[in-house]
Amino acid sequence: MDTIIAFLRDHDITTRVTIVDGFLAVFMSFILTIIITQLYKLTYKGPRYSQSFVHTVIIMGVVVSLIMIVIGNNIAVAFGLVGAFSIIRFRSAMSDPKDIAFIFFGMAAGIACGLGFYLLAAIFTITLSVLIYILYLFNYGKKEGEPRVLKITVPENLQYDGAFDDIFAQYLIYHSLNRVQTTNLGTMIQLEYEVVMKEGVKDKEMIDALRERNSNLNISINYASTGGY
């Protein structure tokens, strides 16, 4: 501590102000990104939660705030940093597009802190956090149903075209036959549909209705998401 105090005393006022601003920017960006990552943990719904991603958001926010202090009004330094960071490659694919938004959220807070707009950064972080939580609370944007994969095994001699249309009309909003393949050494056929169930439909109700048509053979509903989201 004495070394730091002596260092600050021996240098000019510009250097001292810059160092103080740097510590303040780091502290503020750290606190704000902690708030952002707490919001991320609260609203995350996916199956692949990553602690390292949470740490990444915090580190990115702090690093960006320091970068903005280093750049200042120096255009040459700005172009130099762009060239240096252009060699960085992120190898991990994002499992959820919302993760990218949280990275930019943390970076925006870090940029504001690095430029000295501490009050603006705090107001921006709190306001956007509240808005994101409201979207999460009301489940905004959710459609009536989510796509599922329905697999029905039928006897090889069954004419499956249109065999389940009335059942699908009763229980489903949407259905599409995606694949037909033989199974059990060619003695049976497996039909694979992409389906969206109506609100309130129970799996067992539809499965029982289908079993009356497919000779009580195997039926499965895959609840893994069928999209690339």
C-alpha atoms as a PDB file:
ATOM      1  CA  MET A   1       0.000   0.000   0.000  1.00  0.00           C
ATOM      2  CA  ASP A   2       2.827   2.441   0.846  1.00  0.00           C
ATOM      3  CA  THR A   3       4.361   1.741  -2.559  1.00  0.00           C
ATOM      4  CA  ILE A   4       1.116   2.626  -4.330  1.00  0.00           C
ATOM      5  CA  ILE A   5       0.730   5.851  -2.328  1.00  0.00           C
ATOM      6  CA  ALA A   6       4.339   6.823  -3.094  1.00  0.00           C
ATOM      7  CA  PHE A   7       3.816   6.082  -6.773  1.00  0.00           C
ATOM      8  CA  LEU A   8       0.762   8.319  -6.914  1.00  0.00           C
ATOM      9  CA  ARG A   9       2.566  11.123  -5.033  1.00  0.00           C
ATOM     10  CA  ASP A  10       5.554  11.086  -7.385  1.00  0.00           C
ATOM     11  CA  HIS A  11       3.536  11.314 -10.616  1.00  0.00           C
ATOM     12  CA  ASP A  12       1.686  14.199 -12.192  1.00  0.00           C
ATOM     13  CA  ILE A  13      -2.009  14.935 -11.674  1.00  0.00           C
ATOM     14  CA  THR A  14      -3.010  13.464 -15.067  1.00  0.00           C
ATOM     15  CA  THR A  15      -1.469  10.111 -14.207  1.00  0.00           C
ATOM     16  CA  ARG A  16      -3.073  10.084 -10.770  1.00  0.00           C
ATOM     17  CA  VAL A  17      -6.504  10.914 -12.196  1.00  0.00           C
ATOM     18  CA  THR A  18      -6.129   8.203 -14.834  1.00  0.00           C
ATOM     19  CA  ILE A  19      -5.238   5.586 -12.221  1.00  0.00           C
ATOM     20  CA  VAL A  20      -8.155   6.601 -10.000  1.00  0.00           C
ATOM     21  CA  ASP A  21     -10.504   6.500 -12.999  1.00  0.00           C
ATOM     22  CA  GLY A  22      -9.167   3.073 -13.875  1.00  0.00           C
ATOM     23  CA  PHE A  23      -9.882   1.672 -10.418  1.00  0.00           C
ATOM     24  CA  LEU A  24     -13.331   3.271 -10.386  1.00  0.00           C
ATOM     25  CA  ALA A  25     -14.143   1.928 -13.867  1.00  0.00           C
ATOM     26  CA  VAL A  26     -13.035  -1.585 -12.885  1.00  0.00           C
ATOM     27  CA  PHE A  27     -15.048  -1.484  -9.670  1.00  0.00           C
ATOM     28  CA  MET A  28     -18.199  -0.128 -11.342  1.00  0.00           C
ATOM     29  CA  SER A  29     -18.048  -2.482 -14.318  1.00  0.00           C
ATOM     30  CA  PHE A  30     -17.502  -5.424 -11.960  1.00  0.00           C
ATOM     31  CA  ILE A  31     -20.539  -4.521  -9.839  1.00  0.00           C
ATOM     32  CA  LEU A  32     -22.751  -3.942 -12.876  1.00  0.00           C
ATOM     33  CA  THR A  33     -21.734  -7.180 -14.583  1.00  0.00           C
ATOM     34  CA  ILE A  34     -22.430  -9.038 -11.324  1.00  0.00           C
ATOM     35  CA  ILE A  35     -25.986  -7.652 -11.544  1.00  0.00           C
ATOM     36  CA  ILE A  36     -26.180  -8.697 -15.208  1.00  0.00           C
ATOM     37  CA  THR A  37     -25.005 -12.244 -14.507  1.00  0.00           C
ATOM     38  CA  GLN A  38     -27.418 -12.591 -11.583  1.00  0.00           C
ATOM     39  CA  LEU A  39     -30.191 -11.686 -14.019  1.00  0.00           C
ATOM     40  CA  TYR A  40     -28.823 -14.239 -16.488  1.00  0.00           C
ATOM     41  CA  LYS A  41     -28.880 -16.984 -13.837  1.00  0.00           C
ATOM     42  CA  LEU A  42     -32.432 -16.028 -12.857  1.00  0.00           C
ATOM     43  CA  THR A  43     -33.855 -16.020 -16.397  1.00  0.00           C
ATOM     44  CA  TYR A  44     -31.860 -18.873 -17.971  1.00  0.00           C
ATOM     45  CA  LYS A  45     -34.105 -21.751 -19.095  1.00  0.00           C
ATOM     46  CA  GLY A  46     -31.784 -23.883 -21.219  1.00  0.00           C
ATOM     47  CA  PRO A  47     -30.271 -27.261 -20.305  1.00  0.00           C
ATOM     48  CA  ARG A  48     -26.628 -26.183 -20.658  1.00  0.00           C
ATOM     49  CA  TYR A  49     -25.972 -23.600 -17.977  1.00  0.00           C
ATOM     50  CA  SER A  50     -22.274 -22.703 -17.883  1.00  0.00           C
ATOM     51  CA  GLN A  51     -20.470 -21.114 -14.948  1.00  0.00           C
ATOM     52  CA  SER A  52     -17.574 -20.222 -17.259  1.00  0.00           C
ATOM     53  CA  PHE A  53     -19.955 -18.190 -19.437  1.00  0.00           C
ATOM     54  CA  VAL A  54     -21.036 -16.194 -16.362  1.00  0.00           C
ATOM     55  CA  HIS A  55     -17.383 -15.515 -15.560  1.00  0.00           C
ATOM     56  CA  THR A  56     -16.788 -14.543 -19.196  1.00  0.00           C
ATOM     57  CA  VAL A  57     -19.482 -11.854 -19.085  1.00  0.00           C
ATOM     58  CA  ILE A  58     -17.895 -10.348 -15.963  1.00  0.00           C
ATOM     59  CA  ILE A  59     -14.357 -10.486 -17.375  1.00  0.00           C
ATOM     60  CA  MET A  60     -15.444  -9.006 -20.722  1.00  0.00           C
ATOM     61  CA  GLY A  61     -17.176  -6.088 -19.003  1.00  0.00           C
ATOM     62  CA  VAL A  62     -14.135  -5.250 -16.867  1.00  0.00           C
ATOM     63  CA  VAL A  63     -11.641  -5.677 -19.720  1.00  0.00           C
ATOM     64  CA  VAL A  64     -13.679  -3.498 -22.084  1.00  0.00           C
ATOM     65  CA  SER A  65     -13.866  -0.721 -19.480  1.00  0.00           C
ATOM     66  CA  LEU A  66     -10.058  -0.701 -19.217  1.00  0.00           C
ATOM     67  CA  ILE A  67      -9.708  -0.774 -23.002  1.00  0.00           C
ATOM     68  CA  MET A  68     -11.877   2.343 -23.284  1.00  0.00           C
ATOM     69  CA  ILE A  69      -9.631   4.129 -20.739  1.00  0.00           C
ATOM     70  CA  VAL A  70      -6.510   3.119 -22.688  1.00  0.00           C
ATOM     71  CA  ILE A  71      -7.989   4.270 -26.002  1.00  0.00           C
ATOM     72  CA  GLY A  72      -9.237   7.640 -24.749  1.00  0.00           C
ATOM     73  CA  ASN A  73      -9.213   9.962 -27.762  1.00  0.00           C
ATOM     74  CA  ASN A  74      -6.231   8.284 -29.428  1.00  0.00           C
ATOM     75  CA  ILE A  75      -7.356   7.019 -32.845  1.00  0.00           C
ATOM     76  CA  ALA A  76      -4.028   5.271 -33.496  1.00  0.00           C
ATOM     77  CA  VAL A  77      -4.338   3.245 -30.303  1.00  0.00           C
ATOM     78  CA  ALA A  78      -7.931   2.375 -31.207  1.00  0.00           C
ATOM     79  CA  PHE A  79      -6.907   0.965 -34.599  1.00  0.00           C
ATOM     80  CA  GLY A  80      -4.020  -0.887 -32.988  1.00  0.00           C
ATOM     81  CA  LEU A  81      -6.334  -2.562 -30.488  1.00  0.00           C
ATOM     82  CA  VAL A  82      -8.773  -3.516 -33.249  1.00  0.00           C
ATOM     83  CA  GLY A  83      -5.937  -5.224 -35.092  1.00  0.00           C
ATOM     84  CA  ALA A  84      -4.750  -6.984 -31.951  1.00  0.00           C
ATOM     85  CA  PHE A  85      -8.178  -8.286 -31.010  1.00  0.00           C
ATOM     86  CA  SER A  86      -8.966  -9.375 -34.582  1.00  0.00           C
ATOM     87  CA  ILE A  87      -6.656 -12.368 -34.121  1.00  0.00           C
ATOM     88  CA  ILE A  88      -8.851 -13.705 -31.284  1.00  0.00           C
ATOM     89  CA  ARG A  89     -11.212 -16.517 -32.269  1.00  0.00           C
ATOM     90  CA  PHE A  90     -14.070 -17.744 -30.112  1.00  0.00           C
ATOM     91  CA  ARG A  91     -14.218 -21.517 -30.571  1.00  0.00           C
ATOM     92  CA  SER A  92     -17.292 -22.181 -28.413  1.00  0.00           C
ATOM     93  CA  ALA A  93     -20.651 -22.002 -30.167  1.00  0.00           C
ATOM     94  CA  MET A  94     -23.437 -20.319 -28.227  1.00  0.00           C
ATOM     95  CA  SER A  95     -26.144 -22.776 -27.202  1.00  0.00           C
ATOM     96  CA  ASP A  96     -28.705 -19.961 -26.882  1.00  0.00           C
ATOM     97  CA  PRO A  97     -28.819 -16.763 -28.959  1.00  0.00           C
ATOM     98  CA  LYS A  98     -29.740 -14.860 -25.793  1.00  0.00           C
ATOM     99  CA  ASP A  99     -26.242 -15.593 -24.467  1.00  0.00           C
ATOM    100  CA  ILE A 100     -24.810 -13.285 -27.150  1.00  0.00           C
ATOM    101  CA  ALA A 101     -27.148 -10.519 -26.009  1.00  0.00           C
ATOM    102  CA  PHE A 102     -25.880 -10.849 -22.429  1.00  0.00           C
ATOM    103  CA  ILE A 103     -22.275 -10.601 -23.638  1.00  0.00           C
ATOM    104  CA  PHE A 104     -23.108  -7.338 -25.418  1.00  0.00           C
ATOM    105  CA  PHE A 105     -25.043  -6.205 -22.333  1.00  0.00           C
ATOM    106  CA  GLY A 106     -21.941  -6.669 -20.177  1.00  0.00           C
ATOM    107  CA  MET A 107     -19.705  -5.028 -22.778  1.00  0.00           C
ATOM    108  CA  ALA A 108     -22.020  -1.999 -23.063  1.00  0.00           C
ATOM    109  CA  ALA A 109     -21.897  -1.511 -19.292  1.00  0.00           C
ATOM    110  CA  GLY A 110     -18.097  -1.822 -19.420  1.00  0.00           C
ATOM    111  CA  ILE A 111     -17.823   0.717 -22.263  1.00  0.00           C
ATOM    112  CA  ALA A 112     -19.953   3.247 -20.363  1.00  0.00           C
ATOM    113  CA  CYS A 113     -17.820   2.792 -17.231  1.00  0.00           C
ATOM    114  CA  GLY A 114     -14.602   3.093 -19.232  1.00  0.00           C
ATOM    115  CA  LEU A 115     -15.774   6.392 -20.705  1.00  0.00           C
ATOM    116  CA  GLY A 116     -16.616   7.718 -17.247  1.00  0.00           C
ATOM    117  CA  PHE A 117     -20.409   7.641 -17.618  1.00  0.00           C
ATOM    118  CA  TYR A 118     -20.933   5.830 -14.316  1.00  0.00           C
ATOM    119  CA  LEU A 119     -24.440   7.103 -13.621  1.00  0.00           C
ATOM    120  CA  LEU A 120     -25.538   6.337 -17.186  1.00  0.00           C
ATOM    121  CA  ALA A 121     -24.055   2.835 -16.910  1.00  0.00           C
ATOM    122  CA  ALA A 122     -25.908   2.171 -13.645  1.00  0.00           C
ATOM    123  CA  ILE A 123     -29.222   3.507 -14.983  1.00  0.00           C
ATOM    124  CA  PHE A 124     -28.805   1.553 -18.229  1.00  0.00           C
ATOM    125  CA  THR A 125     -28.003  -1.698 -16.417  1.00  0.00           C
ATOM    126  CA  ILE A 126     -30.866  -1.426 -13.917  1.00  0.00           C
ATOM    127  CA  THR A 127     -33.426  -0.342 -16.534  1.00  0.00           C
ATOM    128  CA  LEU A 128     -32.553  -3.057 -19.040  1.00  0.00           C
ATOM    129  CA  SER A 129     -32.398  -5.675 -16.272  1.00  0.00           C
ATOM    130  CA  VAL A 130     -35.931  -4.763 -15.202  1.00  0.00           C
ATOM    131  CA  LEU A 131     -37.176  -4.940 -18.798  1.00  0.00           C
ATOM    132  CA  ILE A 132     -35.539  -8.337 -19.364  1.00  0.00           C
ATOM    133  CA  TYR A 133     -37.040  -9.668 -16.137  1.00  0.00           C
ATOM    134  CA  ILE A 134     -40.498  -8.431 -17.189  1.00  0.00           C
ATOM    135  CA  LEU A 135     -40.134 -10.304 -20.498  1.00  0.00           C
ATOM    136  CA  TYR A 136     -39.132 -13.413 -18.533  1.00  0.00           C
ATOM    137  CA  LEU A 137     -41.952 -12.989 -15.994  1.00  0.00           C
ATOM    138  CA  PHE A 138     -44.668 -12.747 -18.651  1.00  0.00           C
ATOM    139  CA  ASN A 139     -43.004 -15.372 -20.861  1.00  0.00           C
ATOM    140  CA  TYR A 140     -43.255 -12.917 -23.739  1.00  0.00           C
ATOM    141  CA  GLY A 141     -43.010 -14.364 -27.255  1.00  0.00           C
ATOM    142  CA  LYS A 142     -43.907 -17.946 -26.316  1.00  0.00           C
ATOM    143  CA  LYS A 143     -46.066 -19.663 -28.911  1.00  0.00           C
ATOM    144  CA  GLU A 144     -49.039 -21.855 -28.060  1.00  0.00           C
ATOM    145  CA  GLY A 145     -47.115 -25.076 -28.551  1.00  0.00           C
ATOM    146  CA  GLU A 146     -43.563 -26.285 -29.042  1.00  0.00           C
ATOM    147  CA  PRO A 147     -42.505 -28.707 -31.784  1.00  0.00           C
ATOM    148  CA  ARG A 148     -42.018 -32.327 -30.729  1.00  0.00           C
ATOM    149  CA  VAL A 149     -40.955 -35.472 -32.516  1.00  0.00           C
ATOM    150  CA  LEU A 150     -43.613 -38.203 -32.596  1.00  0.00           C
ATOM    151  CA  LYS A 151     -42.524 -41.703 -33.634  1.00  0.00           C
ATOM    152  CA  ILE A 152     -45.135 -44.330 -34.457  1.00  0.00           C
ATOM    153  CA  THR A 153     -44.317 -47.945 -35.275  1.00  0.00           C
ATOM    154  CA  VAL A 154     -46.850 -49.667 -37.550  1.00  0.00           C
ATOM    155  CA  PRO A 155     -47.067 -53.156 -39.116  1.00  0.00           C
ATOM    156  CA  GLU A 156     -45.430 -53.465 -42.521  1.00  0.00           C
ATOM    157  CA  ASN A 157     -48.783 -54.251 -44.177  1.00  0.00           C
ATOM    158  CA  LEU A 158     -50.619 -51.209 -42.752  1.00  0.00           C
ATOM    159  CA  GLN A 159     -51.518 -48.436 -45.207  1.00  0.00           C
ATOM    160  CA  TYR A 160     -50.293 -45.534 -43.090  1.00  0.00           C
ATOM    161  CA  ASP A 161     -51.143 -42.678 -45.487  1.00  0.00           C
ATOM    162  CA  GLY A 162     -53.993 -40.813 -43.794  1.00  0.00           C
ATOM    163  CA  ALA A 163     -54.420 -43.543 -41.162  1.00  0.00           C
ATOM    164  CA  PHE A 164     -54.015 -41.083 -38.253  1.00  0.00           C
ATOM    165  CA  ASP A 165     -55.340 -37.858 -39.794  1.00  0.00           C
ATOM    166  CA  ASP A 166     -58.518 -37.699 -37.693  1.00  0.00           C
ATOM    167  CA  ILE A 167     -56.534 -38.263 -34.480  1.00  0.00           C
ATOM    168  CA  PHE A 168     -54.022 -35.606 -35.467  1.00  0.00           C
ATOM    169  CA  ALA A 169     -56.859 -33.161 -36.185  1.00  0.00           C
ATOM    170  CA  GLN A 170     -58.253 -33.793 -32.712  1.00  0.00           C
ATOM    171  CA  TYR A 171     -55.027 -33.439 -30.710  1.00  0.00           C
ATOM    172  CA  LEU A 172     -52.556 -31.449 -32.817  1.00  0.00           C
ATOM    173  CA  ILE A 173     -52.196 -27.935 -34.177  1.00  0.00           C
ATOM    174  CA  TYR A 174     -49.625 -29.021 -36.757  1.00  0.00           C
ATOM    175  CA  HIS A 175     -48.096 -32.253 -38.013  1.00  0.00           C
ATOM    176  CA  SER A 176     -45.641 -33.123 -40.775  1.00  0.00           C
ATOM    177  CA  LEU A 177     -44.304 -36.526 -41.791  1.00  0.00           C
ATOM    178  CA  ASN A 178     -40.511 -36.165 -41.875  1.00  0.00           C
ATOM    179  CA  ARG A 179     -39.207 -39.703 -42.244  1.00  0.00           C
ATOM    180  CA  VAL A 180     -40.335 -43.261 -42.967  1.00  0.00           C
ATOM    181  CA  GLN A 181     -38.010 -46.182 -42.251  1.00  0.00           C
ATOM    182  CA  THR A 182     -38.241 -49.922 -41.805  1.00  0.00           C
ATOM    183  CA  THR A 183     -37.393 -51.551 -38.512  1.00  0.00           C
ATOM    184  CA  ASN A 184     -37.300 -54.994 -36.891  1.00  0.00           C
ATOM    185  CA  LEU A 185     -35.711 -56.593 -40.000  1.00  0.00           C
ATOM    186  CA  GLY A 186     -38.250 -54.988 -42.305  1.00  0.00           C
ATOM    187  CA  THR A 187     -41.323 -56.425 -40.602  1.00  0.00           C
ATOM    188  CA  MET A 188     -42.393 -53.019 -39.259  1.00  0.00           C
ATOM    189  CA  ILE A 189     -42.310 -49.379 -40.358  1.00  0.00           C
ATOM    190  CA  GLN A 190     -41.446 -46.410 -38.169  1.00  0.00           C
ATOM    191  CA  LEU A 191     -43.083 -43.072 -38.989  1.00  0.00           C
ATOM    192  CA  GLU A 192     -41.451 -39.899 -37.673  1.00  0.00           C
ATOM    193  CA  TYR A 193     -43.598 -36.755 -37.449  1.00  0.00           C
ATOM    194  CA  GLU A 194     -42.874 -33.224 -36.328  1.00  0.00           C
ATOM    195  CA  VAL A 195     -45.926 -32.189 -34.312  1.00  0.00           C
ATOM    196  CA  VAL A 196     -47.268 -29.308 -32.234  1.00  0.00           C
ATOM    197  CA  MET A 197     -49.873 -30.273 -29.660  1.00  0.00           C
ATOM    198  CA  LYS A 198     -52.956 -28.269 -28.803  1.00  0.00           C
ATOM    199  CA  GLU A 199     -53.079 -26.515 -25.444  1.00  0.00           C
ATOM    200  CA  GLY A 200     -54.134 -28.838 -22.625  1.00  0.00           C
ATOM    201  CA  VAL A 201     -53.675 -32.087 -24.551  1.00  0.00           C
ATOM    202  CA  LYS A 202     -52.296 -34.936 -22.444  1.00  0.00           C
ATOM    203  CA  ASP A 203     -49.692 -37.225 -23.982  1.00  0.00           C
ATOM    204  CA  LYS A 204     -51.450 -40.349 -22.750  1.00  0.00           C
ATOM    205  CA  GLU A 205     -54.748 -39.368 -24.392  1.00  0.00           C
ATOM    206  CA  MET A 206     -53.177 -39.086 -27.827  1.00  0.00           C
ATOM    207  CA  ILE A 207     -50.960 -42.152 -27.378  1.00  0.00           C
ATOM    208  CA  ASP A 208     -53.970 -44.280 -26.356  1.00  0.00           C
ATOM    209  CA  ALA A 209     -55.868 -43.124 -29.429  1.00  0.00           C
ATOM    210  CA  LEU A 210     -52.907 -43.916 -31.717  1.00  0.00           C
ATOM    211  CA  ARG A 211     -52.368 -47.354 -30.180  1.00  0.00           C
ATOM    212  CA  GLU A 212     -55.832 -48.391 -31.371  1.00  0.00           C
ATOM    213  CA  ARG A 213     -54.649 -47.818 -34.941  1.00  0.00           C
ATOM    214  CA  ASN A 214     -51.079 -49.156 -34.869  1.00  0.00           C
ATOM    215  CA  SER A 215     -51.802 -52.587 -33.356  1.00  0.00           C
ATOM    216  CA  ASN A 216     -50.524 -51.458 -29.943  1.00  0.00           C
ATOM    217  CA  LEU A 217     -46.934 -51.159 -31.184  1.00  0.00           C
ATOM    218  CA  ASN A 218     -44.311 -48.712 -29.927  1.00  0.00           C
ATOM    219  CA  ILE A 219     -45.097 -44.954 -29.835  1.00  0.00           C
ATOM    220  CA  SER A 220     -42.751 -42.286 -28.495  1.00  0.00           C
ATOM    221  CA  ILE A 221     -42.792 -38.501 -28.085  1.00  0.00           C
ATOM    222  CA  ASN A 222     -39.417 -36.769 -27.989  1.00  0.00           C
ATOM    223  CA  TYR A 223     -39.459 -33.624 -25.865  1.00  0.00           C
ATOM    224  CA  ALA A 224     -36.030 -32.418 -27.042  1.00  0.00           C
ATOM    225  CA  SER A 225     -36.321 -29.248 -29.099  1.00  0.00           C
ATOM    226  CA  THR A 226     -36.445 -29.933 -32.821  1.00  0.00           C
ATOM    227  CA  GLY A 227     -35.153 -26.507 -33.820  1.00  0.00           C
ATOM    228  CA  GLY A 228     -31.633 -25.149 -33.822  1.00  0.00           C
ATOM    229  CA  TYR A 229     -32.315 -22.785 -30.925  1.00  0.00           C
END
